[in-house]
Amino acid sequence: MAETMRPPGLGPDFRGIWTGNACSSLADGIGFVALPLLAASLTEAPGPWPR
């Protein structure tokens, strides 16, 4: 019976870098949504210039 050869995996270092990048991207997305909502809830001005 012939064994099939599998290529080596990317390893734990790659998984750590990938996980860190995924967490960073998630935090950026949360910040991009949360900060404008926080600013809108703290001010009454509809835009950057007060009326």
PDB file of N, CA and C in Angstrom:
ATOM      1  N   MET A   1       0.820  -1.178   0.000  1.00  0.00           N
ATOM      2  CA  MET A   1       0.000   0.000   0.000  1.00  0.00           C
ATOM      3  C   MET A   1       0.873   1.253   0.000  1.00  0.00           C
ATOM      4  N   ALA A   2       0.594   2.124  -0.879  1.00  0.00           N
ATOM      5  CA  ALA A   2       1.388   3.347  -0.974  1.00  0.00           C
ATOM      6  C   ALA A   2       0.806   4.406  -0.040  1.00  0.00           C
ATOM      7  N   GLU A   3       1.689   5.027   0.702  1.00  0.00           N
ATOM      8  CA  GLU A   3       1.257   6.111   1.585  1.00  0.00           C
ATOM      9  C   GLU A   3       1.246   7.418   0.797  1.00  0.00           C
ATOM     10  N   THR A   4       0.226   8.200   1.035  1.00  0.00           N
ATOM     11  CA  THR A   4       0.180   9.498   0.379  1.00  0.00           C
ATOM     12  C   THR A   4       0.960  10.490   1.233  1.00  0.00           C
ATOM     13  N   MET A   5       1.716  11.329   0.584  1.00  0.00           N
ATOM     14  CA  MET A   5       2.518  12.310   1.311  1.00  0.00           C
ATOM     15  C   MET A   5       1.720  13.594   1.458  1.00  0.00           C
ATOM     16  N   ARG A   6       1.639  14.079   2.671  1.00  0.00           N
ATOM     17  CA  ARG A   6       0.968  15.342   2.941  1.00  0.00           C
ATOM     18  C   ARG A   6       2.003  16.441   3.071  1.00  0.00           C
ATOM     19  N   PRO A   7       1.712  17.596   2.529  1.00  0.00           N
ATOM     20  CA  PRO A   7       2.653  18.703   2.724  1.00  0.00           C
ATOM     21  C   PRO A   7       2.625  19.125   4.200  1.00  0.00           C
ATOM     22  N   PRO A   8       3.720  19.648   4.706  1.00  0.00           N
ATOM     23  CA  PRO A   8       3.733  20.071   6.109  1.00  0.00           C
ATOM     24  C   PRO A   8       2.763  21.233   6.329  1.00  0.00           C
ATOM     25  N   GLY A   9       2.195  21.259   7.526  1.00  0.00           N
ATOM     26  CA  GLY A   9       1.270  22.336   7.856  1.00  0.00           C
ATOM     27  C   GLY A   9       2.009  23.657   8.059  1.00  0.00           C
ATOM     28  N   LEU A  10       1.257  24.688   8.289  1.00  0.00           N
ATOM     29  CA  LEU A  10       1.861  26.006   8.456  1.00  0.00           C
ATOM     30  C   LEU A  10       2.433  26.199   9.858  1.00  0.00           C
ATOM     31  N   GLY A  11       1.976  25.419  10.815  1.00  0.00           N
ATOM     32  CA  GLY A  11       2.584  25.431  12.133  1.00  0.00           C
ATOM     33  C   GLY A  11       1.939  26.388  13.123  1.00  0.00           C
ATOM     34  N   PRO A  12       2.358  26.267  14.379  1.00  0.00           N
ATOM     35  CA  PRO A  12       1.760  27.081  15.440  1.00  0.00           C
ATOM     36  C   PRO A  12       2.121  28.563  15.330  1.00  0.00           C
ATOM     37  N   ASP A  13       3.277  28.882  14.775  1.00  0.00           N
ATOM     38  CA  ASP A  13       3.633  30.300  14.626  1.00  0.00           C
ATOM     39  C   ASP A  13       2.657  31.010  13.698  1.00  0.00           C
ATOM     40  N   PHE A  14       2.308  30.361  12.596  1.00  0.00           N
ATOM     41  CA  PHE A  14       1.358  30.960  11.663  1.00  0.00           C
ATOM     42  C   PHE A  14      -0.012  31.100  12.312  1.00  0.00           C
ATOM     43  N   ARG A  15      -0.431  30.089  13.066  1.00  0.00           N
ATOM     44  CA  ARG A  15      -1.734  30.168  13.745  1.00  0.00           C
ATOM     45  C   ARG A  15      -1.773  31.323  14.735  1.00  0.00           C
ATOM     46  N   GLY A  16      -0.673  31.546  15.434  1.00  0.00           N
ATOM     47  CA  GLY A  16      -0.618  32.668  16.375  1.00  0.00           C
ATOM     48  C   GLY A  16      -0.704  34.006  15.676  1.00  0.00           C
ATOM     49  N   ILE A  17       0.017  34.145  14.574  1.00  0.00           N
ATOM     50  CA  ILE A  17      -0.036  35.395  13.809  1.00  0.00           C
ATOM     51  C   ILE A  17      -1.428  35.595  13.224  1.00  0.00           C
ATOM     52  N   TRP A  18      -2.024  34.526  12.704  1.00  0.00           N
ATOM     53  CA  TRP A  18      -3.349  34.625  12.107  1.00  0.00           C
ATOM     54  C   TRP A  18      -4.383  35.013  13.166  1.00  0.00           C
ATOM     55  N   THR A  19      -4.303  34.400  14.343  1.00  0.00           N
ATOM     56  CA  THR A  19      -5.248  34.712  15.422  1.00  0.00           C
ATOM     57  C   THR A  19      -5.096  36.159  15.877  1.00  0.00           C
ATOM     58  N   GLY A  20      -3.856  36.617  16.020  1.00  0.00           N
ATOM     59  CA  GLY A  20      -3.629  38.007  16.413  1.00  0.00           C
ATOM     60  C   GLY A  20      -4.163  38.983  15.389  1.00  0.00           C
ATOM     61  N   ASN A  21      -3.969  38.684  14.114  1.00  0.00           N
ATOM     62  CA  ASN A  21      -4.477  39.546  13.052  1.00  0.00           C
ATOM     63  C   ASN A  21      -6.006  39.558  13.042  1.00  0.00           C
ATOM     64  N   ALA A  22      -6.616  38.409  13.260  1.00  0.00           N
ATOM     65  CA  ALA A  22      -8.077  38.332  13.288  1.00  0.00           C
ATOM     66  C   ALA A  22      -8.638  39.139  14.453  1.00  0.00           C
ATOM     67  N   CYS A  23      -8.011  39.033  15.625  1.00  0.00           N
ATOM     68  CA  CYS A  23      -8.474  39.807  16.792  1.00  0.00           C
ATOM     69  C   CYS A  23      -8.307  41.306  16.558  1.00  0.00           C
ATOM     70  N   SER A  24      -7.202  41.692  15.955  1.00  0.00           N
ATOM     71  CA  SER A  24      -6.960  43.100  15.672  1.00  0.00           C
ATOM     72  C   SER A  24      -7.986  43.647  14.682  1.00  0.00           C
ATOM     73  N   SER A  25      -8.286  42.879  13.661  1.00  0.00           N
ATOM     74  CA  SER A  25      -9.280  43.314  12.672  1.00  0.00           C
ATOM     75  C   SER A  25     -10.668  43.419  13.295  1.00  0.00           C
ATOM     76  N   LEU A  26     -11.006  42.494  14.162  1.00  0.00           N
ATOM     77  CA  LEU A  26     -12.299  42.551  14.843  1.00  0.00           C
ATOM     78  C   LEU A  26     -12.388  43.793  15.724  1.00  0.00           C
ATOM     79  N   ALA A  27     -11.328  44.083  16.473  1.00  0.00           N
ATOM     80  CA  ALA A  27     -11.321  45.268  17.326  1.00  0.00           C
ATOM     81  C   ALA A  27     -11.412  46.549  16.499  1.00  0.00           C
ATOM     82  N   ASP A  28     -10.735  46.595  15.359  1.00  0.00           N
ATOM     83  CA  ASP A  28     -10.845  47.764  14.484  1.00  0.00           C
ATOM     84  C   ASP A  28     -12.281  47.954  14.013  1.00  0.00           C
ATOM     85  N   GLY A  29     -12.930  46.869  13.621  1.00  0.00           N
ATOM     86  CA  GLY A  29     -14.314  46.956  13.159  1.00  0.00           C
ATOM     87  C   GLY A  29     -15.250  47.434  14.249  1.00  0.00           C
ATOM     88  N   ILE A  30     -15.048  46.942  15.458  1.00  0.00           N
ATOM     89  CA  ILE A  30     -15.882  47.379  16.587  1.00  0.00           C
ATOM     90  C   ILE A  30     -15.656  48.867  16.845  1.00  0.00           C
ATOM     91  N   GLY A  31     -14.397  49.294  16.790  1.00  0.00           N
ATOM     92  CA  GLY A  31     -14.091  50.711  17.006  1.00  0.00           C
ATOM     93  C   GLY A  31     -14.689  51.611  15.945  1.00  0.00           C
ATOM     94  N   PHE A  32     -14.641  51.171  14.685  1.00  0.00           N
ATOM     95  CA  PHE A  32     -15.197  51.979  13.598  1.00  0.00           C
ATOM     96  C   PHE A  32     -16.706  52.152  13.738  1.00  0.00           C
ATOM     97  N   VAL A  33     -17.367  51.198  14.359  1.00  0.00           N
ATOM     98  CA  VAL A  33     -18.808  51.302  14.565  1.00  0.00           C
ATOM     99  C   VAL A  33     -19.115  52.016  15.873  1.00  0.00           C
ATOM    100  N   ALA A  34     -18.393  51.683  16.935  1.00  0.00           N
ATOM    101  CA  ALA A  34     -18.729  52.176  18.266  1.00  0.00           C
ATOM    102  C   ALA A  34     -18.402  53.658  18.458  1.00  0.00           C
ATOM    103  N   LEU A  35     -17.282  54.121  17.953  1.00  0.00           N
ATOM    104  CA  LEU A  35     -16.893  55.510  18.205  1.00  0.00           C
ATOM    105  C   LEU A  35     -17.864  56.525  17.594  1.00  0.00           C
ATOM    106  N   PRO A  36     -18.299  56.374  16.348  1.00  0.00           N
ATOM    107  CA  PRO A  36     -19.302  57.331  15.846  1.00  0.00           C
ATOM    108  C   PRO A  36     -20.629  57.247  16.606  1.00  0.00           C
ATOM    109  N   LEU A  37     -21.023  56.047  17.022  1.00  0.00           N
ATOM    110  CA  LEU A  37     -22.257  55.926  17.802  1.00  0.00           C
ATOM    111  C   LEU A  37     -22.113  56.591  19.164  1.00  0.00           C
ATOM    112  N   LEU A  38     -20.956  56.470  19.785  1.00  0.00           N
ATOM    113  CA  LEU A  38     -20.708  57.130  21.060  1.00  0.00           C
ATOM    114  C   LEU A  38     -20.738  58.639  20.887  1.00  0.00           C
ATOM    115  N   ALA A  39     -20.096  59.143  19.843  1.00  0.00           N
ATOM    116  CA  ALA A  39     -20.098  60.584  19.596  1.00  0.00           C
ATOM    117  C   ALA A  39     -21.510  61.092  19.333  1.00  0.00           C
ATOM    118  N   ALA A  40     -22.299  60.332  18.596  1.00  0.00           N
ATOM    119  CA  ALA A  40     -23.670  60.752  18.305  1.00  0.00           C
ATOM    120  C   ALA A  40     -24.523  60.745  19.568  1.00  0.00           C
ATOM    121  N   SER A  41     -24.251  59.822  20.473  1.00  0.00           N
ATOM    122  CA  SER A  41     -25.051  59.775  21.694  1.00  0.00           C
ATOM    123  C   SER A  41     -24.646  60.868  22.681  1.00  0.00           C
ATOM    124  N   LEU A  42     -23.418  61.385  22.599  1.00  0.00           N
ATOM    125  CA  LEU A  42     -22.960  62.403  23.532  1.00  0.00           C
ATOM    126  C   LEU A  42     -23.227  63.822  23.050  1.00  0.00           C
ATOM    127  N   THR A  43     -23.495  64.003  21.769  1.00  0.00           N
ATOM    128  CA  THR A  43     -23.717  65.340  21.229  1.00  0.00           C
ATOM    129  C   THR A  43     -25.104  65.402  20.602  1.00  0.00           C
ATOM    130  N   GLU A  44     -25.551  66.610  20.399  1.00  0.00           N
ATOM    131  CA  GLU A  44     -26.840  66.803  19.726  1.00  0.00           C
ATOM    132  C   GLU A  44     -26.654  67.332  18.318  1.00  0.00           C
ATOM    133  N   ALA A  45     -25.430  67.684  17.957  1.00  0.00           N
ATOM    134  CA  ALA A  45     -25.169  68.221  16.631  1.00  0.00           C
ATOM    135  C   ALA A  45     -25.235  67.089  15.604  1.00  0.00           C
ATOM    136  N   PRO A  46     -25.916  67.281  14.467  1.00  0.00           N
ATOM    137  CA  PRO A  46     -26.043  66.207  13.477  1.00  0.00           C
ATOM    138  C   PRO A  46     -24.790  65.982  12.654  1.00  0.00           C
ATOM    139  N   GLY A  47     -23.890  66.948  12.627  1.00  0.00           N
ATOM    140  CA  GLY A  47     -22.705  66.826  11.788  1.00  0.00           C
ATOM    141  C   GLY A  47     -21.513  67.473  12.458  1.00  0.00           C
ATOM    142  N   PRO A  48     -20.463  67.680  11.690  1.00  0.00           N
ATOM    143  CA  PRO A  48     -19.256  68.266  12.284  1.00  0.00           C
ATOM    144  C   PRO A  48     -19.388  69.746  12.624  1.00  0.00           C
ATOM    145  N   TRP A  49     -20.375  70.456  12.045  1.00  0.00           N
ATOM    146  CA  TRP A  49     -20.550  71.868  12.327  1.00  0.00           C
ATOM    147  C   TRP A  49     -21.833  72.091  13.114  1.00  0.00           C
ATOM    148  N   PRO A  50     -21.759  72.815  14.209  1.00  0.00           N
ATOM    149  CA  PRO A  50     -22.997  73.098  14.961  1.00  0.00           C
ATOM    150  C   PRO A  50     -23.895  74.062  14.201  1.00  0.00           C
ATOM    151  N   ARG A  51     -25.166  73.904  14.380  1.00  0.00           N
ATOM    152  CA  ARG A  51     -26.120  74.777  13.684  1.00  0.00           C
ATOM    153  C   ARG A  51     -26.721  75.768  14.628  1.00  0.00           C
TER     154      ARG A  51
END
